[in-house]
């Protein structure tokens, strides 16, 4: 019988290791600066204590593996719980083709986990039985004996990470179906099984349908078994794994105590959240840039809000990429409908209801590109993704259409006072007069604003930076903030919808200028009416001076 003892999983690190912000793999408290996510872990433990089976489905590099690790350690500190953590990433493709190999691989991972927890008796029990367990019914009986006879008095929790590559495999579905049957019988008091099973991956496999071949139907008890998802027992998992402001602050506090500096933590945390919307990997990555690339180059090691801005410029730079950004681009390239949806949201300010039943919206949500905004509309998850995507879309445009727009640059756009945005808008208007035509009207209505960004980029390249400010208002507009030579310039791009909306646009631009304490702004208006007029106007609105150009 299993000896009841207090389980502590040691961290295999040395005290000489220097802590850092981690942007690869599992985060470990003794090696990495980490956000205090104890409230999240406690919320998940409440699911476990209620005997829930559930799936933690979140986008890539969203902290799933770290969350499972922290959950496992926390539960294993309790005498009444035993948590077993395995990863289906360890099972190769060939194993998925043979039931005996699949079961052997699963049990072997359990044995290794018991050994790592210094529990030789259950590990030995597996070694004695592993060659005898060759099908799912036998595996079901083995789990019953393991929980009831070898681990009495323990609530055993099974954590399975990286289940995505398994989700379309029949053996995996059979495995889930077996766990589902045991769960239902356990609730009736007819079986012993895991207290809780948690699956983690990008996709939510709760709605997978069992793939039952006609010759296999006799092995199932009812029609319900034939058609129901093998994981429809899963509870809705609503714990938000993104970092809150408080959690970002806790990570910065941990760092500043060790470094003995006193930055304005709330202000820096707010700026980090502004750019990342709490996406765990992106928060850590910006902090890593500040700690390793920005701060070391100067004498003052204190952090500031401008350091967060500088880190954003580094991660948004077109010449920089990561596996996360490569995956982001790949997901857009591989699905034309998703590309078009994201294009309309980012470039043309279109508003779409966040209807998760829509397969395209659901795909964007699964990959972490689209989230639900407060107004119930689709919204790009964070400003970093938005900036990266619009740069990528701009690059595609320049490869295929209006290549000549990339030739505009020169010293005439600069003066002692800074960037001459008025001249930029005037030259762009002249460009559109020359190259625009009725034949291009449909293209311009779809991609005209992206065309201006493509025109702007070579002018400020090397001396400044442009940032697209997302918005989800009723008015379809795009706000561009240019930072150049320590000055900011705001240009609002919008489509002409008549005098009433024009007045509303002036109010919005004035309010936005107040955000940056600016008195001067710029307005680029696209007019797609047949009798449109290319005109310019200097507008005094409230206490602002706004230069407007119509094209």
Protein backbone atom coordinates (compact mmCIF):
# COMPACT_ATOMS: atom_id res chain seq x y z
CA UNK A 1 0.00 0.00 0.00
CA UNK A 2 1.13 3.53 -0.80
CA UNK A 3 2.88 5.25 2.09
CA UNK A 4 1.09 8.51 2.92
CA UNK A 5 3.65 11.27 3.00
CA UNK A 6 4.02 14.95 2.30
CA UNK A 7 5.12 15.42 -1.31
CA UNK A 8 7.43 18.26 -2.21
CA UNK A 9 8.75 18.54 -5.74
CA UNK A 10 12.30 19.93 -5.60
CA UNK A 11 13.41 22.55 -8.09
CA UNK A 12 16.57 21.32 -9.75
CA UNK A 13 18.37 24.65 -9.92
CA UNK A 14 21.36 26.05 -8.14
CA UNK A 15 21.40 29.10 -5.92
CA UNK A 16 24.12 30.56 -8.13
CA UNK A 17 21.77 30.93 -11.11
CA UNK A 18 20.98 34.52 -11.96
CA UNK A 19 17.27 35.20 -12.27
CA UNK A 20 15.86 36.64 -15.48
CA UNK A 21 12.65 37.35 -17.33
CA UNK A 22 11.75 34.19 -19.17
CA UNK A 23 10.44 34.06 -22.74
CA UNK A 24 11.00 30.36 -23.46
CA UNK A 25 9.31 27.32 -21.96
CA UNK A 26 8.39 26.74 -18.34
CA UNK A 27 8.81 29.54 -15.81
CA UNK A 28 10.45 28.47 -12.55
CA UNK A 29 10.25 30.74 -9.47
CA UNK A 30 13.89 30.30 -8.43
CA UNK A 31 15.16 31.10 -11.92
CA UNK A 32 12.70 33.62 -13.31
CA UNK A 33 10.88 36.78 -12.33
CA UNK A 34 7.23 35.78 -12.27
CA UNK A 35 3.86 37.38 -11.75
CA UNK A 36 2.00 36.39 -8.61
CA UNK A 37 -0.82 34.30 -10.08
CA UNK A 38 -1.82 32.68 -6.79
CA UNK A 39 -5.42 33.88 -7.14
CA UNK A 40 -5.68 32.10 -10.50
CA UNK A 41 -4.19 28.90 -9.06
CA UNK A 42 -6.63 29.03 -6.16
CA UNK A 43 -9.54 29.45 -8.59
CA UNK A 44 -8.39 26.37 -10.53
CA UNK A 45 -7.99 24.39 -7.29
CA UNK A 46 -11.64 25.09 -6.56
CA UNK A 47 -12.50 23.35 -9.85
CA UNK A 48 -10.37 20.38 -8.79
CA UNK A 49 -11.89 20.17 -5.32
CA UNK A 50 -15.34 19.96 -6.89
CA UNK A 51 -14.21 16.99 -8.97
CA UNK A 52 -14.39 18.84 -12.29
CA UNK A 53 -12.87 17.58 -15.51
CA UNK A 54 -11.95 20.46 -17.82
CA UNK A 55 -9.75 21.79 -20.59
CA UNK A 56 -7.41 24.78 -20.35
CA UNK A 57 -7.45 25.94 -23.95
CA UNK A 58 -5.45 29.10 -24.57
CA UNK A 59 -3.26 30.40 -27.43
CA UNK A 60 0.38 29.52 -27.77
CA UNK A 61 2.79 30.88 -25.17
CA UNK A 62 -0.06 31.95 -22.91
CA UNK A 63 1.34 30.39 -19.74
CA UNK A 64 -0.56 27.08 -19.82
CA UNK A 65 2.44 24.89 -18.98
CA UNK A 66 3.60 27.20 -16.20
CA UNK A 67 0.07 27.31 -14.78
CA UNK A 68 -0.10 23.50 -14.71
CA UNK A 69 3.30 23.34 -13.02
CA UNK A 70 2.30 25.80 -10.31
CA UNK A 71 -1.01 24.01 -9.84
CA UNK A 72 0.73 20.65 -9.50
CA UNK A 73 3.22 21.93 -6.95
CA UNK A 74 0.50 23.62 -4.91
CA UNK A 75 -1.70 20.51 -4.81
CA UNK A 76 1.22 18.23 -4.01
CA UNK A 77 1.94 20.29 -0.91
CA UNK A 78 -1.33 18.93 0.48
CA UNK A 79 -1.42 15.50 2.14
CA UNK A 80 -4.79 14.62 0.65
CA UNK A 81 -3.85 15.24 -3.01
CA UNK A 82 -1.50 13.67 -5.53
CA UNK A 83 -1.02 15.36 -8.88
CA UNK A 84 0.43 13.53 -11.88
CA UNK A 85 1.68 15.75 -14.73
CA UNK A 86 2.40 14.31 -18.17
CA UNK A 87 2.66 15.71 -21.69
CA UNK A 88 1.37 14.07 -24.84
CA UNK A 89 4.16 15.86 -26.65
CA UNK A 90 6.27 12.87 -25.58
CA UNK A 91 4.18 10.43 -27.67
CA UNK A 92 5.43 10.07 -31.23
CA UNK A 93 3.30 9.75 -34.35
CA UNK A 94 3.88 6.01 -34.77
CA UNK A 95 2.64 5.34 -31.24
CA UNK A 96 -0.72 6.86 -32.14
CA UNK A 97 -1.24 4.14 -34.76
CA UNK A 98 -1.21 1.24 -32.29
CA UNK A 99 -3.43 0.88 -29.23
CA UNK A 100 -0.94 -1.18 -27.24
CA UNK A 101 1.86 1.33 -27.86
CA UNK A 102 -0.40 4.24 -26.94
CA UNK A 103 -1.38 2.64 -23.65
CA UNK A 104 2.21 1.61 -22.93
CA UNK A 105 3.37 5.20 -23.59
CA UNK A 106 0.74 6.62 -21.24
CA UNK A 107 1.59 4.22 -18.43
CA UNK A 108 5.32 4.73 -18.92
CA UNK A 109 4.84 8.50 -18.48
CA UNK A 110 2.90 7.83 -15.27
CA UNK A 111 5.69 5.59 -13.97
CA UNK A 112 8.31 8.24 -14.69
CA UNK A 113 6.17 10.83 -12.91
CA UNK A 114 5.85 8.62 -9.83
CA UNK A 115 9.62 8.15 -9.81
CA UNK A 116 10.20 11.91 -10.03
CA UNK A 117 7.90 12.31 -7.02
CA UNK A 118 9.95 9.69 -5.13
CA UNK A 119 7.02 7.26 -5.00
CA UNK A 120 8.55 3.85 -5.84
CA UNK A 121 5.53 1.70 -4.89
CA UNK A 122 3.05 3.00 -7.53
CA UNK A 123 5.91 3.16 -10.05
CA UNK A 124 6.65 -0.50 -9.34
CA UNK A 125 2.96 -1.40 -9.64
CA UNK A 126 2.93 0.04 -13.14
CA UNK A 127 6.07 -1.88 -14.10
CA UNK A 128 4.45 -5.11 -12.93
CA UNK A 129 1.24 -4.53 -14.89
CA UNK A 130 2.32 -2.57 -17.97
CA UNK A 131 2.81 -5.54 -20.31
CA UNK A 132 -0.60 -6.97 -19.38
CA UNK A 133 -2.61 -3.87 -20.26
CA UNK A 134 -3.27 -3.97 -24.00
CA UNK A 135 -6.71 -2.39 -24.47
CA UNK A 136 -8.90 0.38 -23.07
CA UNK A 137 -11.07 -1.82 -20.81
CA UNK A 138 -7.89 -3.21 -19.22
CA UNK A 139 -6.54 0.32 -18.78
CA UNK A 140 -9.81 1.34 -17.12
CA UNK A 141 -9.53 -1.52 -14.62
CA UNK A 142 -5.88 -0.64 -13.97
CA UNK A 143 -6.77 2.98 -13.14
CA UNK A 144 -9.42 1.74 -10.72
CA UNK A 145 -6.89 -0.48 -8.90
CA UNK A 146 -4.22 2.25 -8.90
CA UNK A 147 -6.50 4.83 -7.30
CA UNK A 148 -8.38 2.46 -4.96
CA UNK A 149 -5.68 0.04 -3.80
CA UNK A 150 -2.29 1.66 -4.36
CA UNK A 151 -3.16 5.30 -3.59
CA UNK A 152 -5.93 5.05 -0.95
CA UNK A 153 -6.89 8.27 0.78
CA UNK A 154 -5.47 10.35 -2.04
CA UNK A 155 -7.44 12.51 -4.46
CA UNK A 156 -5.45 11.82 -7.63
CA UNK A 157 -5.38 14.57 -10.25
CA UNK A 158 -4.18 13.93 -13.80
CA UNK A 159 -2.74 16.85 -15.79
CA UNK A 160 -2.10 16.29 -19.51
CA UNK A 161 -0.32 19.04 -21.44
CA UNK A 162 0.09 19.50 -25.21
CA UNK A 163 -2.98 17.55 -26.28
CA UNK A 164 -3.45 19.38 -29.61
CA UNK A 165 -1.70 16.91 -31.88
CA UNK A 166 -3.80 14.14 -30.30
CA UNK A 167 -7.19 15.75 -30.88
CA UNK A 168 -7.76 14.22 -34.32
CA UNK A 169 -6.57 10.75 -33.38
CA UNK A 170 -8.99 7.89 -32.81
CA UNK A 171 -6.93 6.31 -30.03
CA UNK A 172 -6.91 9.58 -28.14
CA UNK A 173 -10.67 9.87 -28.55
CA UNK A 174 -11.04 6.30 -27.27
CA UNK A 175 -8.87 7.23 -24.29
CA UNK A 176 -11.08 10.24 -23.51
CA UNK A 177 -14.16 8.08 -23.91
CA UNK A 178 -12.80 5.63 -21.36
CA UNK A 179 -12.11 8.44 -18.88
CA UNK A 180 -15.59 9.83 -19.53
CA UNK A 181 -17.25 6.49 -18.71
CA UNK A 182 -15.26 6.19 -15.51
CA UNK A 183 -16.19 9.75 -14.55
CA UNK A 184 -19.91 9.02 -14.99
CA UNK A 185 -19.68 5.74 -13.03
CA UNK A 186 -17.59 7.47 -10.33
CA UNK A 187 -20.33 10.07 -9.85
CA UNK A 188 -22.79 7.20 -9.38
CA UNK A 189 -20.50 5.62 -6.76
CA UNK A 190 -19.76 2.61 -8.99
CA UNK A 191 -16.07 3.17 -9.79
CA UNK A 192 -12.84 4.71 -8.56
CA UNK A 193 -10.94 7.06 -10.82
CA UNK A 194 -9.12 10.39 -10.96
CA UNK A 195 -10.55 13.19 -8.83
CA UNK A 196 -9.98 15.58 -11.71
CA UNK A 197 -8.52 15.40 -15.21
CA UNK A 198 -7.18 18.59 -16.81
CA UNK A 199 -6.21 18.77 -20.47
CA UNK A 200 -4.19 21.71 -21.76
CA UNK A 201 -3.67 22.87 -25.33
CA UNK A 202 -4.50 25.52 -27.90
CA UNK A 203 -7.77 23.95 -29.06
CA UNK A 204 -10.79 23.31 -26.88
CA UNK A 205 -11.41 19.59 -27.41
CA UNK A 206 -14.60 19.60 -25.34
CA UNK A 207 -16.75 19.49 -28.48
CA UNK A 208 -14.87 16.74 -30.34
CA UNK A 209 -17.15 14.09 -31.76
CA UNK A 210 -16.41 10.41 -31.30
CA UNK A 211 -15.38 8.80 -34.58
CA UNK A 212 -17.07 5.44 -34.31
CA UNK A 213 -16.77 3.00 -37.20
CA UNK A 214 -19.79 0.76 -37.91
CA UNK A 215 -17.98 -2.41 -36.81
CA UNK A 216 -17.10 -0.83 -33.46
CA UNK A 217 -20.58 0.23 -32.44
CA UNK A 218 -21.33 -2.99 -30.58
CA UNK A 219 -18.65 -2.17 -28.03
CA UNK A 220 -20.56 0.91 -26.90
CA UNK A 221 -23.39 0.80 -24.44
CA UNK A 222 -25.85 3.16 -26.11
CA UNK A 223 -26.56 5.49 -28.99
CA UNK A 224 -25.42 8.29 -26.71
CA UNK A 225 -21.93 6.81 -26.68
CA UNK A 226 -21.88 6.74 -30.48
CA UNK A 227 -22.51 10.38 -31.11
CA UNK A 228 -21.61 12.37 -28.02
CA UNK A 229 -18.25 14.01 -27.59
CA UNK A 230 -15.96 11.84 -25.45
CA UNK A 231 -15.20 14.96 -23.43
CA UNK A 232 -18.62 16.60 -23.11
CA UNK A 233 -18.32 16.11 -19.36
CA UNK A 234 -15.82 18.98 -19.24
CA UNK A 235 -16.79 22.00 -17.15
CA UNK A 236 -16.50 25.48 -18.62
CA UNK A 237 -13.10 26.86 -17.65
CA UNK A 238 -13.43 30.63 -17.24
CA UNK A 239 -10.27 31.53 -15.33
CA UNK A 240 -8.53 34.40 -17.14
CA UNK A 241 -4.87 33.44 -17.64
CA UNK A 242 -3.84 36.85 -18.99
CA UNK A 243 -1.91 39.04 -16.55
CA UNK A 244 -3.89 41.71 -14.72
CA UNK A 245 -2.33 45.03 -13.77
CA UNK A 246 -1.86 43.77 -10.23
CA UNK A 247 -0.07 40.65 -11.44
CA UNK A 248 2.26 42.65 -13.70
CA UNK A 249 3.00 44.93 -10.74
CA UNK A 250 3.86 41.89 -8.59
CA UNK A 251 6.45 40.76 -11.14
CA UNK A 252 8.00 44.23 -11.27
CA UNK A 253 8.06 44.42 -7.48
CA UNK A 254 9.90 41.11 -7.35
CA UNK A 255 12.44 42.42 -9.84
CA UNK A 256 12.94 45.84 -8.25
CA UNK A 257 13.48 44.38 -4.77
CA UNK A 258 16.29 42.23 -6.09
CA UNK A 259 17.81 45.05 -8.16
CA UNK A 260 17.34 47.63 -5.38
CA UNK A 261 15.73 50.24 -7.64
CA UNK A 262 12.57 52.33 -7.10
CA UNK A 263 10.70 52.86 -10.37
CA UNK A 264 7.10 54.01 -10.74
CA UNK A 265 5.75 50.46 -10.82
CA UNK A 266 2.02 51.25 -11.31
CA UNK A 267 2.74 53.53 -14.28
CA UNK A 268 5.13 51.06 -15.93
CA UNK A 269 2.74 48.15 -15.34
CA UNK A 270 -0.08 50.13 -16.90
CA UNK A 271 2.01 50.86 -20.00
CA UNK A 272 3.05 47.22 -20.32
CA UNK A 273 -0.59 46.18 -20.07
CA UNK A 274 -1.53 48.88 -22.59
CA UNK A 275 0.70 47.26 -25.22
CA UNK A 276 0.14 43.58 -24.34
CA UNK A 277 -3.38 43.36 -22.88
CA UNK A 278 -1.79 40.99 -20.38
CA UNK A 279 -0.61 38.34 -22.88
CA UNK A 280 1.89 36.58 -20.56
CA UNK A 281 4.64 35.96 -23.12
CA UNK A 282 4.49 39.53 -24.42
CA UNK A 283 4.66 41.02 -20.92
CA UNK A 284 7.75 38.96 -20.10
CA UNK A 285 9.32 39.75 -23.46
CA UNK A 286 8.97 43.52 -23.03
CA UNK A 287 10.42 43.26 -19.52
CA UNK A 288 13.29 41.18 -20.89
CA UNK A 289 14.05 43.83 -23.50
CA UNK A 290 14.13 46.54 -20.83
CA UNK A 291 16.29 44.52 -18.43
CA UNK A 292 18.78 43.13 -20.95
CA UNK A 293 18.86 45.60 -23.84
CA UNK A 294 17.64 49.03 -22.75
CA UNK A 295 18.72 49.57 -19.13
CA UNK A 296 22.31 48.20 -19.41
CA UNK A 297 23.23 50.89 -21.95
CA UNK A 298 22.79 53.74 -19.47
CA UNK A 299 24.04 54.72 -16.03
CA UNK A 300 20.63 55.09 -14.41
CA UNK A 301 19.24 51.58 -13.95
CA UNK A 302 15.79 52.73 -12.84
CA UNK A 303 12.95 51.84 -15.20
CA UNK A 304 10.55 54.39 -16.65
CA UNK A 305 7.41 54.42 -18.79
CA UNK A 306 9.50 55.44 -21.79
CA UNK A 307 11.42 52.18 -21.38
CA UNK A 308 8.17 50.31 -21.99
CA UNK A 309 7.64 52.43 -25.11
CA UNK A 310 11.16 51.61 -26.30
CA UNK A 311 10.59 47.89 -25.67
CA UNK A 312 7.39 48.07 -27.69
CA UNK A 313 9.30 49.60 -30.60
CA UNK A 314 11.82 46.75 -30.38
CA UNK A 315 9.22 43.98 -30.42
CA UNK A 316 7.19 45.70 -33.16
CA UNK A 317 10.22 46.20 -35.39
CA UNK A 318 9.68 44.57 -38.78
CA UNK A 319 13.15 43.04 -38.69
CA UNK A 320 12.47 41.18 -35.45
CA UNK A 321 10.46 37.99 -35.13
CA UNK A 322 9.74 35.14 -32.75
CA UNK A 323 8.04 31.77 -33.10
CA UNK A 324 4.86 33.40 -31.79
CA UNK A 325 4.90 36.03 -34.54
CA UNK A 326 5.80 33.41 -37.15
CA UNK A 327 2.76 31.43 -36.02
CA UNK A 328 0.62 34.57 -36.13
CA UNK A 329 1.55 35.20 -39.77
CA UNK A 330 1.16 31.53 -40.70
CA UNK A 331 -2.36 31.40 -39.31
CA UNK A 332 -3.35 34.40 -41.44
CA UNK A 333 -1.62 33.09 -44.54
CA UNK A 334 -3.31 29.71 -44.24
CA UNK A 335 -6.87 31.02 -44.06
CA UNK A 336 -8.11 33.63 -46.53
CA UNK A 337 -11.34 34.22 -44.60
CA UNK A 338 -9.45 34.89 -41.36
CA UNK A 339 -7.05 37.21 -43.20
CA UNK A 340 -9.97 39.18 -44.65
CA UNK A 341 -11.74 39.43 -41.29
CA UNK A 342 -8.61 40.70 -39.54
CA UNK A 343 -7.86 43.07 -42.44
CA UNK A 344 -11.29 44.67 -42.19
CA UNK A 345 -10.97 45.07 -38.42
CA UNK A 346 -7.45 46.50 -38.41
CA UNK A 347 -7.31 48.52 -41.61
CA UNK A 348 -10.88 49.62 -42.24
CA UNK A 349 -12.22 49.76 -38.70
CA UNK A 350 -15.11 47.41 -39.47
CA UNK A 351 -17.18 46.22 -36.52
CA UNK A 352 -18.19 42.57 -36.25
CA UNK A 353 -20.20 40.95 -33.50
CA UNK A 354 -18.14 38.47 -31.52
CA UNK A 355 -20.14 35.38 -32.49
CA UNK A 356 -18.07 32.40 -31.40
CA UNK A 357 -20.28 30.07 -33.46
CA UNK A 358 -18.86 31.73 -36.58
CA UNK A 359 -16.02 29.36 -37.62
CA UNK A 360 -13.76 32.21 -38.79
CA UNK A 361 -14.20 34.23 -35.60
CA UNK A 362 -13.72 31.07 -33.54
CA UNK A 363 -10.48 30.32 -35.39
CA UNK A 364 -9.19 33.83 -34.71
CA UNK A 365 -10.12 33.42 -31.04
CA UNK A 366 -8.41 30.02 -30.74
CA UNK A 367 -5.16 31.46 -32.06
CA UNK A 368 -5.34 34.47 -29.76
CA UNK A 369 -5.76 37.00 -32.57
CA UNK A 370 -9.33 38.05 -31.82
CA UNK A 371 -11.01 38.64 -28.46
CA UNK A 372 -14.35 39.99 -27.36
CA UNK A 373 -14.29 43.73 -26.69
CA UNK A 374 -16.44 45.41 -24.05
CA UNK A 375 -19.04 46.32 -26.66
CA UNK A 376 -19.42 42.67 -27.67
CA UNK A 377 -17.42 43.24 -30.86
CA UNK A 378 -14.39 41.51 -32.33
CA UNK A 379 -11.16 43.17 -31.29
CA UNK A 380 -7.50 42.35 -31.97
CA UNK A 381 -6.09 40.88 -28.77
CA UNK A 382 -3.34 43.41 -28.16
CA UNK A 383 -1.54 46.39 -29.68
CA UNK A 384 1.60 44.40 -30.42
CA UNK A 385 -0.33 41.91 -32.55
CA UNK A 386 -2.16 44.75 -34.26
CA UNK A 387 1.08 46.54 -35.10
CA UNK A 388 2.75 43.37 -36.35
CA UNK A 389 -0.24 42.42 -38.49
CA UNK A 390 -0.64 45.80 -40.11
CA UNK A 391 3.08 45.88 -40.94
CA UNK A 392 2.75 42.42 -42.48
CA UNK A 393 -0.30 43.43 -44.51
CA UNK A 394 1.44 46.60 -45.64
CA UNK A 395 4.41 44.58 -46.86
CA UNK A 396 2.11 42.33 -48.88
CA UNK A 397 0.49 45.36 -50.50
CA UNK A 398 3.83 46.81 -51.58
CA UNK A 399 4.78 43.49 -53.19
CA UNK A 400 1.71 43.39 -55.41
CA UNK A 401 0.25 46.89 -55.95
CA UNK A 402 1.37 50.50 -56.01
CA UNK A 403 5.06 49.67 -55.66
CA UNK A 404 5.91 53.25 -56.64
CA UNK A 405 4.48 54.50 -53.33
CA UNK A 406 7.59 53.16 -51.61
CA UNK A 407 9.83 55.62 -53.46
CA UNK A 408 8.79 58.72 -51.52
CA UNK A 409 11.34 59.93 -49.02
CA UNK A 410 13.73 62.79 -48.68
CA UNK A 411 14.96 65.69 -46.55
CA UNK A 412 12.19 68.02 -47.75
CA UNK A 413 9.83 66.42 -45.25
CA UNK A 414 11.98 67.60 -42.35
CA UNK A 415 12.78 71.03 -40.96
CA UNK A 416 14.33 72.45 -37.82
CA UNK A 417 10.90 72.20 -36.21
CA UNK A 418 10.53 68.52 -36.96
CA UNK A 419 8.46 66.44 -39.35
CA UNK A 420 6.39 68.37 -41.92
CA UNK A 421 3.18 66.32 -41.77
CA UNK A 422 1.31 68.98 -43.76
CA UNK A 423 3.66 68.47 -46.71
CA UNK A 424 3.37 64.68 -46.39
CA UNK A 425 -0.41 64.90 -46.70
CA UNK A 426 -0.21 67.33 -49.60
CA UNK A 427 2.21 65.11 -51.51
CA UNK A 428 0.06 62.06 -50.85
CA UNK A 429 -2.95 63.92 -52.18
CA UNK A 430 -1.00 64.74 -55.35
CA UNK A 431 0.06 61.11 -55.64
CA UNK A 432 -3.55 59.96 -55.39
CA UNK A 433 -4.65 62.49 -58.02
CA UNK A 434 -2.07 61.10 -60.41
CA UNK A 435 -2.47 57.39 -59.72
CA UNK A 436 -6.05 57.08 -58.56
CA UNK A 437 -8.86 56.39 -61.04
CA UNK A 438 -12.42 55.13 -61.14
CA UNK A 439 -11.01 51.74 -62.02
CA UNK A 440 -9.14 51.72 -58.69
CA UNK A 441 -12.07 52.93 -56.58
CA UNK A 442 -12.96 49.50 -55.22
CA UNK A 443 -9.35 48.76 -54.34
CA UNK A 444 -8.90 52.18 -52.71
CA UNK A 445 -12.02 51.81 -50.60
CA UNK A 446 -10.67 48.51 -49.27
CA UNK A 447 -6.96 49.31 -49.02
CA UNK A 448 -6.62 53.08 -49.37
CA UNK A 449 -5.69 53.65 -45.75
CA UNK A 450 -3.10 50.91 -45.85
CA UNK A 451 -1.73 52.62 -48.96
CA UNK A 452 -1.14 55.83 -46.99
CA UNK A 453 0.72 53.92 -44.31
CA UNK A 454 2.88 52.38 -47.02
CA UNK A 455 3.52 55.88 -48.36
CA UNK A 456 4.39 57.19 -44.89
CA UNK A 457 6.75 54.42 -43.83
CA UNK A 458 9.84 55.22 -46.01
CA UNK A 459 9.56 58.90 -45.09
CA UNK A 460 9.94 58.31 -41.36
CA UNK A 461 12.00 55.14 -41.56
CA UNK A 462 15.21 55.51 -39.59
CA UNK A 463 14.17 58.76 -37.93
CA UNK A 464 10.80 57.97 -36.42
CA UNK A 465 8.16 55.40 -35.70
CA UNK A 466 4.45 55.19 -36.50
CA UNK A 467 1.98 53.42 -34.30
CA UNK A 468 -1.56 52.46 -35.24
CA UNK A 469 -3.89 53.14 -32.33
CA UNK A 470 -6.78 50.63 -32.33
CA UNK A 471 -10.32 51.79 -31.72
CA UNK A 472 -13.72 50.14 -31.54
CA UNK A 473 -15.99 53.19 -31.79
CA UNK A 474 -19.00 53.56 -34.07
CA UNK A 475 -17.00 55.80 -36.40
CA UNK A 476 -14.74 53.79 -38.71
CA UNK A 477 -11.45 55.56 -38.29
CA UNK A 478 -7.78 54.82 -37.86
CA UNK A 479 -5.55 56.89 -35.59
CA UNK A 480 -1.85 57.03 -36.44
CA UNK A 481 0.63 58.32 -33.87
CA UNK A 482 4.05 59.24 -35.26
CA UNK A 483 6.98 59.65 -32.91
CA UNK A 484 9.86 61.46 -34.59
CA UNK A 485 12.77 63.34 -33.06
CA UNK A 486 11.12 63.38 -29.63
CA UNK A 487 7.89 64.87 -31.02
CA UNK A 488 4.49 63.28 -31.54
CA UNK A 489 2.10 63.81 -34.43
CA UNK A 490 -1.44 62.46 -34.67
CA UNK A 491 -3.13 61.74 -37.99
CA UNK A 492 -6.69 60.47 -38.16
CA UNK A 493 -7.69 58.52 -41.27
CA UNK A 494 -11.37 58.19 -42.03
CA UNK A 495 -13.94 57.78 -44.80
CA UNK A 496 -16.24 60.69 -45.69
CA UNK A 497 -19.82 60.03 -44.61
CA UNK A 498 -21.15 63.59 -44.71
CA UNK A 499 -20.98 66.77 -42.58
CA UNK A 500 -22.59 65.19 -39.49
CA UNK A 501 -19.98 62.46 -39.20
CA UNK A 502 -17.28 64.97 -40.10
CA UNK A 503 -18.19 67.01 -37.03
CA UNK A 504 -18.12 63.88 -34.90
CA UNK A 505 -14.69 63.03 -36.29
CA UNK A 506 -13.35 66.44 -35.27
CA UNK A 507 -14.60 65.84 -31.74
CA UNK A 508 -12.89 62.45 -31.64
CA UNK A 509 -9.62 63.83 -32.97
CA UNK A 510 -9.69 66.72 -30.49
CA UNK A 511 -10.24 64.29 -27.63
CA UNK A 512 -7.43 62.09 -28.87
CA UNK A 513 -5.05 65.06 -29.14
CA UNK A 514 -5.80 65.86 -25.50
CA UNK A 515 -4.45 62.41 -24.60
CA UNK A 516 -1.03 63.49 -25.86
CA UNK A 517 -1.35 67.14 -24.76
CA UNK A 518 -1.22 68.30 -28.39
CA UNK A 519 -2.89 71.36 -29.93
CA UNK A 520 -2.28 70.46 -33.56
CA UNK A 521 -3.55 67.45 -35.46
CA UNK A 522 -4.11 66.14 -38.98
CA UNK A 523 -7.04 64.59 -40.78
CA UNK A 524 -6.89 62.50 -43.96
CA UNK A 525 -10.36 61.94 -45.41
CA UNK A 526 -11.15 59.41 -48.13
CA UNK A 527 -14.10 60.44 -50.26
CA UNK A 528 -15.36 57.76 -52.64
CA UNK A 529 -18.20 59.83 -54.13
CA UNK A 530 -18.11 60.23 -57.91
CA UNK A 531 -17.94 64.05 -57.81
CA UNK A 532 -15.41 64.24 -55.01
CA UNK A 533 -13.11 67.24 -54.66
CA UNK A 534 -9.43 67.05 -53.79
CA UNK A 535 -9.23 69.86 -51.27
CA UNK A 536 -7.34 71.05 -48.21
CA UNK A 537 -8.65 72.95 -45.22
CA UNK A 538 -7.23 74.48 -42.05
CA UNK A 539 -9.80 73.92 -39.31
CA UNK A 540 -9.93 75.55 -35.89
CA UNK A 541 -11.91 73.28 -33.59
CA UNK A 542 -12.20 74.04 -29.89
CA UNK A 543 -8.59 74.86 -28.95
CA UNK A 544 -7.06 72.70 -31.72
CA UNK A 545 -5.66 73.51 -35.14
CA UNK A 546 -6.43 70.67 -37.56
CA UNK A 547 -5.12 70.42 -41.10
CA UNK A 548 -7.50 68.33 -43.22
CA UNK A 549 -6.93 66.83 -46.66
CA UNK A 550 -9.56 65.16 -48.86
CA UNK A 551 -8.66 62.56 -51.46
